[in-house]
Each structure stands twice: as C-alpha cells, then as structure tokens.
Amino acid sequence: MHRTLPWSLLVAALSLHLIFGALAGVIVPGLVAQADEDAKETNLALIMAASSLATMLVYPAIGAWSDRTRTRWGQRTPWIVVGALASGLAVAALGRAETVLAVGLGWLLVQPLLHLVQAPLEAVLADRVSPSLRSRVSSSYTFGAVLGLAVGAASAGLLLDRPALLTAGLAIVLVVTMLGFVLVEPERSEVPGPRTTQAWSRAWAIRDFRLVFLSRALFTLGSQFVAGYLLYIVMDFSNTDEVTAGPIVGILSATYVGCLAVGTLLAARIGQRDRVRTVMISTGVYAAALVIPLATPSVGGLVAFVLVAGMARGAFLSTGLALMIDVLPSGTNHARDLSVLGLATLLPLTVAPLMAGSLLAASGNRYSVLFIAALITSVGSIPVIGRISRPHPSAPGG
C-alpha cells in the first residue's frame, strides 16, 4: 500500500459524499417542497424510492464490470473517471430543476451515476490494503465520507435558495478530485486473470456474508427513516418553512460531523481488536440516541440526538466497512462482492421513503413515528450482528 493512499481515499470519499449530503439530504427535498409544498412528503418518497431502485439494479453490475475491466490504466481508473465526468454533468443540471418531474428525473439519473464512482473507489480499499491496516484505512475513508455528508448538508442548508450555484460547484469539485485521485494513486496494468462465473451464489452461500448484509440493512433502514426527512423534521419541530429550516439543518450537520469524527477515530483504535463487538455497541448507542427526540421533540432534542448518534454512527460505519471487507468471499472480485453488500444500503434507501411516507400518512404527519420505527429496526439488528463470527481476514487480492 502506498503511504498516501489513506489520505487520497479520505479526500476522494469526501468529494463524492459532499454531493450525497447536499442533494439527498437538503437540495432534493428543498426543490420538491418549493415545487409542491402540499404534497412534498409523498413526492419525495416516490422520487427517493425510484432512484434507489434504479441504483440497486445497476450497482452490482457496475462492481462486476469493474472487476472484469482490463486496460492500460487499470481496473478501477476508467470507471472512476467516466463516472465522475458523467455525474458532474448530471449534478450541475439537477440544480436547475424547477418542477417535481424535473427534480425526480434528475435525481433518478444522478444517484446511479454517483455509484459508478463509488463501487470502484471502495474496491480500491479492498484491492490494496492488507488486513492489518484495514481498520485504519477504512476509518480514513469513512471519515472522508461522513465529513462530506455533513459539509454537503451544511453547505446546502446555507445555499438552499441558490441550488444551481451549489450544484455547479459540487460538480467541479467531484471531477477535479477524482482526476487527482487517479493521478496520485495510479493502478498497475495487469494481465487478465481467471474470471469467476459463480459470482452471486458463492457470496450468498457464506453465512457471515448474509449476516453482515442483514444487520447493515436493518441499521441503514432505521437511520434512513430519520435522515431522509431531516429537513421536514426540523420544519415541524421549529414550525418554520424550508428556507428558514435550512440553516438549522446546517448547524445540526456541523455538529454531527464533529461527533462522527470522534466515533470514527475511536473505532480506528478499538475496532481492530473486535470488529463485531464494536459494531454491536455502536448500534446500541445509536438506538439509545433515538429516544432523545421522542422524549424532547424540539430543535434542542435534535441537537442532543446528533451528538450521541453521530459518534455511534461514525464507529458503526468505520468498523462496519472493515467488517464487510473481512467477509468477502473472493480475493479477486472485490468490487462485485462489495456491490452486493452495498445492496444492504440501497435496499433500505428504496423502501425507507415508501415506509416512512406510509407511516406519516397513517399518523397524520407526526414525525415522532419515524424515530419509533428507526428505534425498532436498529434494536432488531443487534442480535443479527452478534451471530457474526469473528473473521480471520485473508490478504487482499490483486
């Protein structure tokens, strides 16, 4: 592993997740609310579910194609570069959408394109990092990702009234950063090796692979109930409109990133010793944090929630990524197998908006019901995590 790789992955993850944080968390909900205030919850649920479904269908294929790619520039580089250029154009265009249909079509295009970058980028970690360094480098990547999510949401909250300017800036940052990444961390051009044809069956046949998938899906489902509607939750708790609530979301996001950083750093120190236990504890702490806004449904309650939940989620994401790599069934198809596990995130992203929309409709738009649902799914993932074997990771292939 090149000594600059942890820092390069951190910066690359930051630039990619800047867009996820800004668009999915703030800009898309804000544009939907501006286009149709009365039906914003239903419209947002449909848009997020459709885009996540599209991504879920193409994500594993992207990983498999990346594994099979052989060029003079390597396996991952062509996908990262092409994905960044295409994503940049789509992101810049989305900022100019003015109708619900335009916003929906824009995000339906942007989300799958961003995963065209994410799948090979995460595979770089599995390709080049030995098991002994996996927790530390995973923490670097995760810290960049969570920092990007928070800074993206904070920036979007401040620039919610100028979405075209924000998305153009984000597009430029993504393209420049990804081009810089492939130049600083060049791949070796390799002779094509044997290609595995029993891709999906081999992965699902492994018990720990299935358990990691299920536990991650349950945790992500719970967190998405809240994250997907954060802007609307703030609007409800503070009794304000989307423009006024935007800066509050920015403050919450800034608080969140600090706590995510603490959780990520703690996980880097203790997660190497027992990743399964670290994931279990962080999930339990996150579940406990969900009780706070239920007991205190106010902006102050949300601040307390992000303080505790941020540290827990930082530890979960950092150690969870290393655990995902530990249970990969193949030494040569990292992008494919990580993409399959990535469905544990994309599947909840698909169903969470529909489930949340149904819960809100049934409860008369009482946002506390989302925290209750998140609490149930988070607690439900803990016994699943506990059944995962303490892995004995193999060396990275390729």
Protein backbone atom coordinates (compact mmCIF):
# COMPACT_ATOMS: atom_id res chain seq x y z
CA MET A 1 0.00 0.00 0.00
CA HIS A 2 1.31 3.43 -0.94
CA ARG A 3 1.66 5.67 2.13
CA THR A 4 -0.53 8.39 0.59
CA LEU A 5 -3.46 6.05 -0.08
CA PRO A 6 -5.34 6.68 3.22
CA TRP A 7 -5.29 10.43 2.61
CA SER A 8 -6.21 10.06 -1.05
CA LEU A 9 -9.18 7.85 -0.16
CA LEU A 10 -10.26 10.33 2.51
CA VAL A 11 -10.30 13.23 0.04
CA ALA A 12 -11.98 11.17 -2.68
CA ALA A 13 -14.68 9.95 -0.30
CA LEU A 14 -15.22 13.50 0.94
CA SER A 15 -15.80 14.93 -2.53
CA LEU A 16 -18.16 12.11 -3.51
CA HIS A 17 -20.23 12.29 -0.34
CA LEU A 18 -20.40 16.08 -0.47
CA ILE A 19 -22.89 15.51 -3.25
CA PHE A 20 -24.84 12.80 -1.45
CA GLY A 21 -25.13 15.00 1.64
CA ALA A 22 -26.10 18.15 -0.23
CA LEU A 23 -28.53 16.66 -2.72
CA ALA A 24 -30.21 13.73 -0.96
CA GLY A 25 -30.37 15.42 2.43
CA VAL A 26 -31.28 19.01 1.54
CA ILE A 27 -31.40 20.14 -2.09
CA VAL A 28 -33.73 17.48 -3.49
CA PRO A 29 -36.19 17.75 -0.53
CA GLY A 30 -35.96 21.54 -0.77
CA LEU A 31 -36.62 21.63 -4.51
CA VAL A 32 -39.55 19.24 -4.06
CA ALA A 33 -41.01 21.42 -1.31
CA GLN A 34 -40.63 24.56 -3.41
CA ALA A 35 -42.30 22.91 -6.40
CA ASP A 36 -45.25 21.44 -4.46
CA GLU A 37 -45.45 22.26 -0.74
CA ASP A 38 -48.70 20.41 -0.06
CA ALA A 39 -47.57 17.05 -1.43
CA LYS A 40 -43.87 17.24 -0.60
CA GLU A 41 -43.76 14.10 1.62
CA THR A 42 -45.42 11.87 -0.98
CA ASN A 43 -43.42 13.28 -3.88
CA LEU A 44 -40.12 12.91 -2.02
CA ALA A 45 -40.93 9.32 -1.07
CA LEU A 46 -41.64 8.39 -4.69
CA ILE A 47 -38.52 10.14 -6.01
CA MET A 48 -36.17 8.58 -3.46
CA ALA A 49 -37.66 5.12 -3.85
CA ALA A 50 -37.44 5.22 -7.66
CA SER A 51 -33.84 6.45 -7.72
CA SER A 52 -32.72 3.93 -5.11
CA LEU A 53 -34.43 1.11 -7.01
CA ALA A 54 -32.63 2.11 -10.20
CA THR A 55 -29.32 2.23 -8.35
CA MET A 56 -29.98 -1.11 -6.69
CA LEU A 57 -30.45 -2.72 -10.09
CA VAL A 58 -27.24 -1.37 -11.63
CA TYR A 59 -24.86 -1.26 -8.63
CA PRO A 60 -23.85 -4.97 -8.55
CA ALA A 61 -23.39 -4.94 -12.32
CA ILE A 62 -21.06 -1.95 -12.02
CA GLY A 63 -18.95 -3.82 -9.50
CA ALA A 64 -18.77 -6.95 -11.64
CA TRP A 65 -17.87 -4.98 -14.77
CA SER A 66 -15.17 -3.13 -12.86
CA ASP A 67 -13.64 -6.43 -11.71
CA ARG A 68 -13.55 -7.67 -15.31
CA THR A 69 -12.10 -4.47 -16.77
CA ARG A 70 -8.50 -4.68 -18.02
CA THR A 71 -6.93 -1.57 -19.53
CA ARG A 72 -3.54 0.09 -19.61
CA TRP A 73 -4.85 2.38 -16.84
CA GLY A 74 -6.01 -0.49 -14.61
CA GLN A 75 -9.36 -1.91 -13.48
CA ARG A 76 -10.82 0.92 -11.43
CA THR A 77 -9.45 4.08 -13.04
CA PRO A 78 -11.64 4.15 -16.20
CA TRP A 79 -14.81 3.73 -14.14
CA ILE A 80 -13.83 6.42 -11.64
CA VAL A 81 -13.00 8.94 -14.37
CA VAL A 82 -16.01 8.29 -16.62
CA GLY A 83 -18.33 8.13 -13.62
CA ALA A 84 -17.05 11.45 -12.27
CA LEU A 85 -17.45 13.25 -15.60
CA ALA A 86 -20.98 11.91 -16.19
CA SER A 87 -22.01 12.58 -12.59
CA GLY A 88 -20.68 16.12 -12.73
CA LEU A 89 -22.83 16.99 -15.73
CA ALA A 90 -25.94 15.44 -14.18
CA VAL A 91 -25.41 17.12 -10.80
CA ALA A 92 -24.98 20.55 -12.38
CA ALA A 93 -28.18 20.08 -14.38
CA LEU A 94 -30.20 18.97 -11.35
CA GLY A 95 -29.65 22.29 -9.62
CA ARG A 96 -31.71 23.99 -12.33
CA ALA A 97 -34.79 21.76 -11.94
CA GLU A 98 -37.98 23.69 -11.13
CA THR A 99 -40.75 21.07 -11.23
CA VAL A 100 -41.31 17.86 -9.29
CA LEU A 101 -40.93 15.87 -12.51
CA ALA A 102 -37.62 17.54 -13.37
CA VAL A 103 -36.28 17.01 -9.86
CA GLY A 104 -37.34 13.37 -9.93
CA LEU A 105 -35.79 12.64 -13.31
CA GLY A 106 -32.63 14.48 -12.32
CA TRP A 107 -32.10 12.52 -9.13
CA LEU A 108 -33.06 9.29 -10.92
CA LEU A 109 -30.04 9.93 -13.15
CA VAL A 110 -27.63 11.34 -10.57
CA GLN A 111 -27.80 8.64 -7.90
CA PRO A 112 -26.86 5.68 -10.16
CA LEU A 113 -24.10 7.73 -11.79
CA LEU A 114 -22.56 8.55 -8.41
CA HIS A 115 -22.40 4.83 -7.66
CA LEU A 116 -20.49 4.42 -10.91
CA VAL A 117 -17.72 6.19 -8.97
CA GLN A 118 -18.37 4.69 -5.55
CA ALA A 119 -18.20 0.99 -6.48
CA PRO A 120 -14.66 1.02 -7.95
CA LEU A 121 -13.46 3.56 -5.37
CA GLU A 122 -14.38 1.29 -2.45
CA ALA A 123 -12.84 -1.65 -4.29
CA VAL A 124 -9.50 0.19 -4.27
CA LEU A 125 -9.51 -0.15 -0.48
CA ALA A 126 -10.06 -3.90 -0.67
CA ASP A 127 -7.57 -4.29 -3.54
CA ARG A 128 -4.60 -2.55 -1.96
CA VAL A 129 -4.94 -2.65 1.84
CA SER A 130 -3.72 -5.57 3.95
CA PRO A 131 -5.95 -6.91 6.78
CA SER A 132 -3.65 -5.50 9.47
CA LEU A 133 -4.18 -1.95 8.15
CA ARG A 134 -7.81 -2.36 7.16
CA SER A 135 -9.40 -0.70 10.21
CA ARG A 136 -7.15 2.35 9.96
CA VAL A 137 -7.62 2.89 6.24
CA SER A 138 -11.35 2.15 6.49
CA SER A 139 -11.54 4.84 9.16
CA SER A 140 -9.85 7.31 6.81
CA TYR A 141 -12.30 6.52 4.03
CA THR A 142 -15.28 6.63 6.39
CA PHE A 143 -14.18 9.90 7.94
CA GLY A 144 -13.97 11.44 4.48
CA ALA A 145 -17.42 10.10 3.66
CA VAL A 146 -19.12 11.34 6.83
CA LEU A 147 -17.32 14.67 6.61
CA GLY A 148 -18.56 15.02 3.05
CA LEU A 149 -22.14 14.17 4.04
CA ALA A 150 -22.13 16.73 6.83
CA VAL A 151 -20.35 19.52 4.96
CA GLY A 152 -22.55 18.88 1.94
CA ALA A 153 -25.71 19.13 4.03
CA ALA A 154 -24.42 22.23 5.83
CA SER A 155 -23.46 23.95 2.57
CA ALA A 156 -26.79 23.07 1.02
CA GLY A 157 -28.63 24.41 4.04
CA LEU A 158 -26.91 27.77 3.63
CA LEU A 159 -27.36 27.87 -0.16
CA LEU A 160 -30.81 26.34 -0.42
CA ASP A 161 -32.05 29.46 -2.19
CA ARG A 162 -29.26 29.16 -4.82
CA PRO A 163 -29.23 25.47 -5.79
CA ALA A 164 -27.79 25.99 -9.29
CA LEU A 165 -24.69 27.67 -7.88
CA LEU A 166 -24.19 24.95 -5.29
CA THR A 167 -24.59 22.01 -7.67
CA ALA A 168 -22.23 23.55 -10.23
CA GLY A 169 -19.59 23.94 -7.52
CA LEU A 170 -20.09 20.38 -6.30
CA ALA A 171 -19.75 19.04 -9.84
CA ILE A 172 -16.43 20.82 -10.34
CA VAL A 173 -15.09 19.57 -7.00
CA LEU A 174 -16.02 15.97 -7.84
CA VAL A 175 -14.39 15.95 -11.28
CA VAL A 176 -11.18 17.67 -10.12
CA THR A 177 -10.83 15.43 -7.07
CA MET A 178 -11.37 12.16 -8.91
CA LEU A 179 -8.94 13.10 -11.66
CA GLY A 180 -6.44 13.98 -8.95
CA PHE A 181 -7.02 10.65 -7.21
CA VAL A 182 -6.25 8.51 -10.25
CA LEU A 183 -3.12 10.57 -10.97
CA VAL A 184 -1.78 10.40 -7.41
CA GLU A 185 -2.73 6.73 -6.91
CA PRO A 186 -2.17 5.12 -10.34
CA GLU A 187 -3.07 1.47 -10.85
CA ARG A 188 -0.89 -1.21 -12.32
CA SER A 189 -1.88 -2.54 -15.71
CA GLU A 190 -2.36 -6.27 -15.20
CA VAL A 191 -2.71 -9.30 -17.45
CA PRO A 192 -6.29 -10.60 -17.29
CA GLY A 193 -6.70 -13.44 -14.81
CA PRO A 194 -9.38 -16.10 -14.46
CA ARG A 195 -12.91 -14.77 -14.14
CA THR A 196 -15.37 -16.16 -11.65
CA THR A 197 -18.74 -17.14 -13.08
CA GLN A 198 -20.48 -18.25 -9.87
CA ALA A 199 -20.50 -14.67 -8.53
CA TRP A 200 -23.79 -14.28 -6.72
CA SER A 201 -24.31 -17.85 -5.45
CA ARG A 202 -20.84 -18.00 -3.91
CA ALA A 203 -21.38 -14.80 -1.96
CA TRP A 204 -24.81 -15.71 -0.61
CA ALA A 205 -23.68 -19.21 0.41
CA ILE A 206 -21.45 -17.75 3.14
CA ARG A 207 -23.26 -17.35 6.48
CA ASP A 208 -21.30 -14.34 7.74
CA PHE A 209 -21.81 -12.58 4.41
CA ARG A 210 -25.58 -12.96 4.81
CA LEU A 211 -25.50 -11.81 8.45
CA VAL A 212 -23.44 -8.71 7.65
CA PHE A 213 -25.88 -7.91 4.84
CA LEU A 214 -28.97 -8.27 7.06
CA SER A 215 -27.57 -6.35 10.03
CA ARG A 216 -26.39 -3.49 7.82
CA ALA A 217 -29.75 -3.37 6.03
CA LEU A 218 -31.67 -3.10 9.31
CA PHE A 219 -29.39 -0.38 10.68
CA THR A 220 -29.49 1.60 7.44
CA LEU A 221 -33.27 1.32 7.26
CA GLY A 222 -33.58 2.82 10.73
CA SER A 223 -31.15 5.66 10.13
CA GLN A 224 -32.74 6.49 6.78
CA PHE A 225 -36.17 6.97 8.35
CA VAL A 226 -34.70 10.00 10.11
CA ALA A 227 -32.01 11.19 7.67
CA GLY A 228 -34.32 11.15 4.67
CA TYR A 229 -36.78 13.52 6.34
CA LEU A 230 -34.43 15.64 8.44
CA LEU A 231 -35.34 18.90 6.70
CA TYR A 232 -39.05 18.25 7.20
CA ILE A 233 -38.47 17.14 10.81
CA VAL A 234 -36.70 20.43 11.54
CA MET A 235 -39.51 22.34 9.83
CA ASP A 236 -42.03 20.52 12.03
CA PHE A 237 -40.11 20.84 15.31
CA SER A 238 -39.31 24.53 14.73
CA ASN A 239 -42.59 25.44 12.98
CA THR A 240 -40.76 27.15 10.08
CA ASP A 241 -40.56 26.88 6.28
CA GLU A 242 -37.83 25.15 4.29
CA VAL A 243 -35.71 28.28 3.76
CA THR A 244 -35.66 29.11 7.47
CA ALA A 245 -35.09 25.49 8.46
CA GLY A 246 -32.15 25.13 6.06
CA PRO A 247 -29.57 26.90 8.29
CA ILE A 248 -30.77 24.85 11.27
CA VAL A 249 -30.08 21.71 9.26
CA GLY A 250 -26.64 23.16 8.56
CA ILE A 251 -25.94 23.61 12.28
CA LEU A 252 -27.13 20.10 13.04
CA SER A 253 -24.93 18.74 10.26
CA ALA A 254 -21.87 20.62 11.53
CA THR A 255 -22.48 19.19 15.00
CA TYR A 256 -22.99 15.76 13.50
CA VAL A 257 -19.69 15.75 11.62
CA GLY A 258 -17.70 16.55 14.74
CA CYS A 259 -19.27 13.63 16.54
CA LEU A 260 -18.83 11.37 13.52
CA ALA A 261 -15.14 12.22 13.55
CA VAL A 262 -14.85 11.27 17.21
CA GLY A 263 -16.67 7.99 16.60
CA THR A 264 -14.53 7.19 13.58
CA LEU A 265 -11.29 7.85 15.45
CA LEU A 266 -12.40 5.75 18.40
CA ALA A 267 -13.32 2.91 16.07
CA ALA A 268 -9.91 3.08 14.42
CA ARG A 269 -8.31 2.40 17.81
CA ILE A 270 -10.64 -0.27 19.20
CA GLY A 271 -12.31 -1.73 16.12
CA GLN A 272 -9.22 -3.68 15.06
CA ARG A 273 -9.41 -5.83 18.21
CA ASP A 274 -13.04 -6.94 17.87
CA ARG A 275 -15.00 -5.51 14.96
CA VAL A 276 -18.18 -7.46 15.69
CA ARG A 277 -18.42 -6.17 19.26
CA THR A 278 -17.64 -2.61 18.17
CA VAL A 279 -20.48 -2.71 15.62
CA MET A 280 -22.87 -4.12 18.24
CA ILE A 281 -22.04 -1.44 20.81
CA SER A 282 -22.26 1.41 18.30
CA THR A 283 -25.65 0.14 17.12
CA GLY A 284 -26.92 0.01 20.71
CA VAL A 285 -25.75 3.56 21.39
CA TYR A 286 -27.41 4.78 18.19
CA ALA A 287 -30.67 3.13 19.24
CA ALA A 288 -30.48 4.84 22.63
CA ALA A 289 -29.95 8.20 20.92
CA LEU A 290 -33.24 7.81 19.05
CA VAL A 291 -35.10 8.03 22.36
CA ILE A 292 -33.94 11.64 22.89
CA PRO A 293 -36.09 13.38 20.22
CA LEU A 294 -39.01 11.17 21.24
CA ALA A 295 -38.74 12.48 24.79
CA THR A 296 -37.89 16.04 23.69
CA PRO A 297 -39.40 16.81 20.25
CA SER A 298 -37.59 20.10 19.70
CA VAL A 299 -34.54 21.51 17.97
CA GLY A 300 -32.69 21.11 21.26
CA GLY A 301 -33.66 17.45 21.30
CA LEU A 302 -32.33 17.07 17.77
CA VAL A 303 -29.02 18.63 18.81
CA ALA A 304 -28.69 16.11 21.65
CA PHE A 305 -29.63 13.34 19.25
CA VAL A 306 -26.94 14.20 16.70
CA LEU A 307 -24.31 14.46 19.46
CA VAL A 308 -24.85 10.86 20.54
CA ALA A 309 -25.97 9.36 17.24
CA GLY A 310 -23.08 10.96 15.36
CA MET A 311 -20.43 9.22 17.47
CA ALA A 312 -22.29 5.92 17.27
CA ARG A 313 -22.78 6.10 13.52
CA GLY A 314 -19.16 7.07 12.93
CA ALA A 315 -18.00 3.98 14.80
CA PHE A 316 -20.54 1.80 13.01
CA LEU A 317 -19.65 2.96 9.50
CA SER A 318 -15.89 2.78 10.02
CA THR A 319 -15.78 -0.65 11.65
CA GLY A 320 -18.64 -1.91 9.50
CA LEU A 321 -16.73 -1.22 6.29
CA ALA A 322 -13.72 -3.19 7.55
CA LEU A 323 -16.06 -6.00 8.61
CA MET A 324 -17.64 -6.04 5.15
CA ILE A 325 -14.22 -6.50 3.56
CA ASP A 326 -13.36 -9.23 6.07
CA VAL A 327 -16.26 -11.42 4.95
CA LEU A 328 -15.79 -11.01 1.19
CA PRO A 329 -15.85 -14.48 -0.39
CA SER A 330 -13.46 -13.72 -3.26
CA GLY A 331 -9.90 -12.47 -3.36
CA THR A 332 -10.18 -11.12 -6.89
CA ASN A 333 -13.72 -9.75 -7.27
CA HIS A 334 -13.79 -7.09 -4.59
CA ALA A 335 -15.94 -4.57 -6.45
CA ARG A 336 -18.55 -7.20 -7.28
CA ASP A 337 -18.81 -8.53 -3.73
CA LEU A 338 -18.77 -5.07 -2.12
CA SER A 339 -21.51 -4.04 -4.54
CA VAL A 340 -23.62 -6.98 -3.40
CA LEU A 341 -23.13 -5.90 0.21
CA GLY A 342 -23.86 -2.37 -0.95
CA LEU A 343 -27.40 -3.52 -1.64
CA ALA A 344 -27.78 -3.62 2.14
CA THR A 345 -27.66 0.16 1.93
CA LEU A 346 -29.52 0.64 -1.34
CA LEU A 347 -32.43 -1.66 -0.49
CA PRO A 348 -33.34 0.35 2.64
CA LEU A 349 -32.90 3.55 0.63
CA THR A 350 -35.52 2.17 -1.74
CA VAL A 351 -38.10 1.05 0.79
CA ALA A 352 -37.50 3.59 3.58
CA PRO A 353 -39.15 6.54 1.77
CA LEU A 354 -42.22 4.44 0.97
CA MET A 355 -42.42 3.07 4.50
CA ALA A 356 -41.82 6.49 6.02
CA GLY A 357 -44.41 8.07 3.75
CA SER A 358 -46.95 5.43 4.75
CA LEU A 359 -46.17 5.90 8.45
CA LEU A 360 -46.53 9.66 8.16
CA ALA A 361 -49.81 9.35 6.27
CA ALA A 362 -51.20 6.91 8.83
CA SER A 363 -50.11 9.08 11.78
CA GLY A 364 -51.26 12.42 10.38
CA ASN A 365 -47.68 13.57 9.64
CA ARG A 366 -46.43 13.00 13.20
CA TYR A 367 -42.68 12.82 12.70
CA SER A 368 -42.13 11.08 16.04
CA VAL A 369 -43.33 7.88 14.36
CA LEU A 370 -40.15 7.89 12.25
CA PHE A 371 -37.96 7.80 15.35
CA ILE A 372 -40.01 4.92 16.76
CA ALA A 373 -39.61 2.94 13.54
CA ALA A 374 -35.87 3.68 13.49
CA LEU A 375 -35.56 2.50 17.08
CA ILE A 376 -37.27 -0.81 16.30
CA THR A 377 -35.09 -1.63 13.29
CA SER A 378 -31.86 -0.55 14.99
CA VAL A 379 -32.52 -2.71 18.05
CA GLY A 380 -33.52 -5.57 15.74
CA SER A 381 -30.11 -5.54 14.05
CA ILE A 382 -28.16 -6.14 17.28
CA PRO A 383 -28.84 -9.89 17.69
CA VAL A 384 -28.08 -10.38 13.99
CA ILE A 385 -24.67 -8.74 14.43
CA GLY A 386 -24.00 -10.92 17.46
CA ARG A 387 -24.22 -14.08 15.33
CA ILE A 388 -21.38 -12.99 13.02
CA SER A 389 -18.19 -14.99 13.51
CA ARG A 390 -15.03 -13.15 14.45
CA PRO A 391 -13.47 -13.12 10.97
CA HIS A 392 -9.99 -14.21 10.05
CA PRO A 393 -9.43 -11.95 7.01
CA SER A 394 -7.31 -13.00 4.10
CA ALA A 395 -4.82 -10.81 2.31
CA PRO A 396 -6.12 -8.53 -0.39
CA GLY A 397 -6.08 -9.96 -3.83
CA GLY A 398 -4.94 -8.07 -6.88
